[in-house]
Amino acid sequence: AARAADEEAGWVDGDWDDGEEAESDQNAIDRAKMEEFIARLHQCQSRDLIDQAAQDFCYLNNKANRMMLARALARVDRRQLGLIPYYARMIAILAPAMPDISEFVCDLLIRQ
């Protein structure tokens, strides 16, 4: 019973299993999910779709993903200027909970 408790706590054969490999795998999965989210963002061309995208982003929320989203929102394809109102809506939806997104998008746009 004591051995089972030790194994469950991460202690295996005199060495701690720190889970670095599992954490690395999870980071890769999270990054892939975020890249997929960014790739689908240009398809959000209605209020309902952009509202759903903002809600979906809340489940992907971390600092790195917020910065990635801000970069994607600031780099609107100049052939798809119709996306700007929807991207602005997304920023407005997320701003109360994640003000760094709007600040970072503004900084990126000013630099352009």
C-alpha atoms as a PDB file:
ATOM      1  CA  ALA A   1       0.000   0.000   0.000  1.00  0.00           C
ATOM      2  CA  ALA A   2       2.858   2.356   0.826  1.00  0.00           C
ATOM      3  CA  ARG A   3       4.517   1.620  -2.533  1.00  0.00           C
ATOM      4  CA  ALA A   4       1.287   2.364  -4.392  1.00  0.00           C
ATOM      5  CA  ALA A   5       0.983   5.675  -2.552  1.00  0.00           C
ATOM      6  CA  ASP A   6       4.600   6.519  -3.402  1.00  0.00           C
ATOM      7  CA  GLU A   7       4.045   5.708  -7.078  1.00  0.00           C
ATOM      8  CA  GLU A   8       0.888   7.780  -7.155  1.00  0.00           C
ATOM      9  CA  ALA A   9       2.766  10.733  -5.663  1.00  0.00           C
ATOM     10  CA  GLY A  10       5.448  10.470  -8.361  1.00  0.00           C
ATOM     11  CA  TRP A  11       8.099   8.639  -6.362  1.00  0.00           C
ATOM     12  CA  VAL A  12       9.271   5.661  -8.420  1.00  0.00           C
ATOM     13  CA  ASP A  13      12.302   3.478  -7.625  1.00  0.00           C
ATOM     14  CA  GLY A  14      14.096   6.136  -5.600  1.00  0.00           C
ATOM     15  CA  ASP A  15      13.614   8.919  -8.134  1.00  0.00           C
ATOM     16  CA  TRP A  16      10.944  11.558  -8.563  1.00  0.00           C
ATOM     17  CA  ASP A  17       8.968  11.423 -11.772  1.00  0.00           C
ATOM     18  CA  ASP A  18       8.775  15.157 -12.443  1.00  0.00           C
ATOM     19  CA  GLY A  19       6.477  14.842 -15.423  1.00  0.00           C
ATOM     20  CA  GLU A  20       8.571  17.066 -17.690  1.00  0.00           C
ATOM     21  CA  GLU A  21       7.851  14.880 -20.693  1.00  0.00           C
ATOM     22  CA  ALA A  22       4.115  14.923 -19.994  1.00  0.00           C
ATOM     23  CA  GLU A  23       4.215  18.687 -19.541  1.00  0.00           C
ATOM     24  CA  SER A  24       6.106  19.090 -22.815  1.00  0.00           C
ATOM     25  CA  ASP A  25       3.517  16.960 -24.607  1.00  0.00           C
ATOM     26  CA  GLN A  26       0.702  19.037 -23.104  1.00  0.00           C
ATOM     27  CA  ASN A  27       2.403  22.277 -24.204  1.00  0.00           C
ATOM     28  CA  ALA A  28       2.684  20.933 -27.749  1.00  0.00           C
ATOM     29  CA  ILE A  29      -0.995  19.972 -27.726  1.00  0.00           C
ATOM     30  CA  ASP A  30      -2.013  23.387 -26.374  1.00  0.00           C
ATOM     31  CA  ARG A  31       0.096  25.156 -28.995  1.00  0.00           C
ATOM     32  CA  ALA A  32      -1.441  23.044 -31.773  1.00  0.00           C
ATOM     33  CA  LYS A  33      -4.940  23.911 -30.515  1.00  0.00           C
ATOM     34  CA  MET A  34      -4.062  27.600 -30.522  1.00  0.00           C
ATOM     35  CA  GLU A  35      -2.594  27.438 -34.028  1.00  0.00           C
ATOM     36  CA  GLU A  36      -5.766  25.729 -35.226  1.00  0.00           C
ATOM     37  CA  PHE A  37      -7.838  28.435 -33.533  1.00  0.00           C
ATOM     38  CA  ILE A  38      -5.834  31.188 -35.258  1.00  0.00           C
ATOM     39  CA  ALA A  39      -6.153  29.415 -38.615  1.00  0.00           C
ATOM     40  CA  ARG A  40      -9.956  29.333 -38.265  1.00  0.00           C
ATOM     41  CA  LEU A  41     -10.213  32.937 -37.112  1.00  0.00           C
ATOM     42  CA  HIS A  42     -10.466  34.385 -40.630  1.00  0.00           C
ATOM     43  CA  GLN A  43     -13.612  32.314 -41.185  1.00  0.00           C
ATOM     44  CA  CYS A  44     -15.460  34.181 -38.417  1.00  0.00           C
ATOM     45  CA  GLN A  45     -17.406  36.593 -40.573  1.00  0.00           C
ATOM     46  CA  SER A  46     -20.523  37.067 -38.489  1.00  0.00           C
ATOM     47  CA  ARG A  47     -21.297  38.295 -34.993  1.00  0.00           C
ATOM     48  CA  ASP A  48     -22.362  34.856 -33.838  1.00  0.00           C
ATOM     49  CA  LEU A  49     -19.187  33.204 -35.122  1.00  0.00           C
ATOM     50  CA  ILE A  50     -16.864  35.804 -33.593  1.00  0.00           C
ATOM     51  CA  ASP A  51     -18.763  35.648 -30.298  1.00  0.00           C
ATOM     52  CA  GLN A  52     -18.311  31.867 -30.278  1.00  0.00           C
ATOM     53  CA  ALA A  53     -14.620  32.275 -31.154  1.00  0.00           C
ATOM     54  CA  ALA A  54     -14.171  34.659 -28.208  1.00  0.00           C
ATOM     55  CA  GLN A  55     -15.841  32.132 -25.940  1.00  0.00           C
ATOM     56  CA  ASP A  56     -13.653  29.332 -27.317  1.00  0.00           C
ATOM     57  CA  PHE A  57     -10.532  31.416 -26.727  1.00  0.00           C
ATOM     58  CA  CYS A  58     -11.361  31.635 -23.041  1.00  0.00           C
ATOM     59  CA  TYR A  59     -10.604  27.906 -22.792  1.00  0.00           C
ATOM     60  CA  LEU A  60      -7.214  28.443 -24.453  1.00  0.00           C
ATOM     61  CA  ASN A  61      -6.338  31.469 -22.343  1.00  0.00           C
ATOM     62  CA  ASN A  62      -2.778  31.890 -21.137  1.00  0.00           C
ATOM     63  CA  LYS A  63      -0.290  34.702 -21.602  1.00  0.00           C
ATOM     64  CA  ALA A  64       1.477  33.187 -24.615  1.00  0.00           C
ATOM     65  CA  ASN A  65      -1.835  32.505 -26.353  1.00  0.00           C
ATOM     66  CA  ARG A  66      -3.079  36.027 -25.630  1.00  0.00           C
ATOM     67  CA  MET A  67       0.014  37.435 -27.314  1.00  0.00           C
ATOM     68  CA  MET A  68      -0.405  35.033 -30.247  1.00  0.00           C
ATOM     69  CA  LEU A  69      -4.043  36.097 -30.629  1.00  0.00           C
ATOM     70  CA  ALA A  70      -3.129  39.775 -30.464  1.00  0.00           C
ATOM     71  CA  ARG A  71      -0.560  39.315 -33.241  1.00  0.00           C
ATOM     72  CA  ALA A  72      -3.121  37.492 -35.383  1.00  0.00           C
ATOM     73  CA  LEU A  73      -5.722  40.201 -34.837  1.00  0.00           C
ATOM     74  CA  ALA A  74      -3.253  42.958 -35.699  1.00  0.00           C
ATOM     75  CA  ARG A  75      -2.091  41.215 -38.891  1.00  0.00           C
ATOM     76  CA  VAL A  76      -5.336  41.358 -40.826  1.00  0.00           C
ATOM     77  CA  ASP A  77      -4.871  40.300 -44.432  1.00  0.00           C
ATOM     78  CA  ARG A  78      -5.296  43.505 -46.435  1.00  0.00           C
ATOM     79  CA  ARG A  79      -7.486  41.600 -48.895  1.00  0.00           C
ATOM     80  CA  GLN A  80      -9.911  40.784 -46.071  1.00  0.00           C
ATOM     81  CA  LEU A  81     -10.574  44.180 -44.532  1.00  0.00           C
ATOM     82  CA  GLY A  82     -14.142  43.074 -43.862  1.00  0.00           C
ATOM     83  CA  LEU A  83     -12.769  41.124 -40.894  1.00  0.00           C
ATOM     84  CA  ILE A  84     -11.724  44.270 -39.018  1.00  0.00           C
ATOM     85  CA  PRO A  85     -15.152  44.922 -37.399  1.00  0.00           C
ATOM     86  CA  TYR A  86     -15.338  41.315 -36.243  1.00  0.00           C
ATOM     87  CA  TYR A  87     -11.808  41.348 -34.876  1.00  0.00           C
ATOM     88  CA  ALA A  88     -12.614  44.613 -33.086  1.00  0.00           C
ATOM     89  CA  ARG A  89     -15.692  42.939 -31.618  1.00  0.00           C
ATOM     90  CA  MET A  90     -13.556  40.059 -30.373  1.00  0.00           C
ATOM     91  CA  ILE A  91     -11.118  42.483 -28.748  1.00  0.00           C
ATOM     92  CA  ALA A  92     -14.030  44.335 -27.112  1.00  0.00           C
ATOM     93  CA  ILE A  93     -15.511  41.087 -25.800  1.00  0.00           C
ATOM     94  CA  LEU A  94     -12.220  39.896 -24.323  1.00  0.00           C
ATOM     95  CA  ALA A  95     -10.951  43.281 -23.065  1.00  0.00           C
ATOM     96  CA  PRO A  96     -12.749  43.324 -19.681  1.00  0.00           C
ATOM     97  CA  ALA A  97     -11.183  40.006 -18.684  1.00  0.00           C
ATOM     98  CA  MET A  98      -7.951  40.236 -20.704  1.00  0.00           C
ATOM     99  CA  PRO A  99      -6.963  43.899 -21.159  1.00  0.00           C
ATOM    100  CA  ASP A 100      -3.454  42.995 -22.304  1.00  0.00           C
ATOM    101  CA  ILE A 101      -4.846  41.775 -25.658  1.00  0.00           C
ATOM    102  CA  SER A 102      -6.260  45.185 -26.566  1.00  0.00           C
ATOM    103  CA  GLU A 103      -3.134  46.957 -25.334  1.00  0.00           C
ATOM    104  CA  PHE A 104      -0.847  44.695 -27.340  1.00  0.00           C
ATOM    105  CA  VAL A 105      -2.984  45.014 -30.510  1.00  0.00           C
ATOM    106  CA  CYS A 106      -2.898  48.813 -30.171  1.00  0.00           C
ATOM    107  CA  ASP A 107       0.885  48.770 -29.738  1.00  0.00           C
ATOM    108  CA  LEU A 108       1.302  46.559 -32.817  1.00  0.00           C
ATOM    109  CA  LEU A 109      -0.952  48.759 -34.925  1.00  0.00           C
ATOM    110  CA  ILE A 110       0.833  51.930 -33.866  1.00  0.00           C
ATOM    111  CA  ARG A 111       4.170  50.386 -34.865  1.00  0.00           C
ATOM    112  CA  GLN A 112       2.832  49.563 -38.329  1.00  0.00           C
END
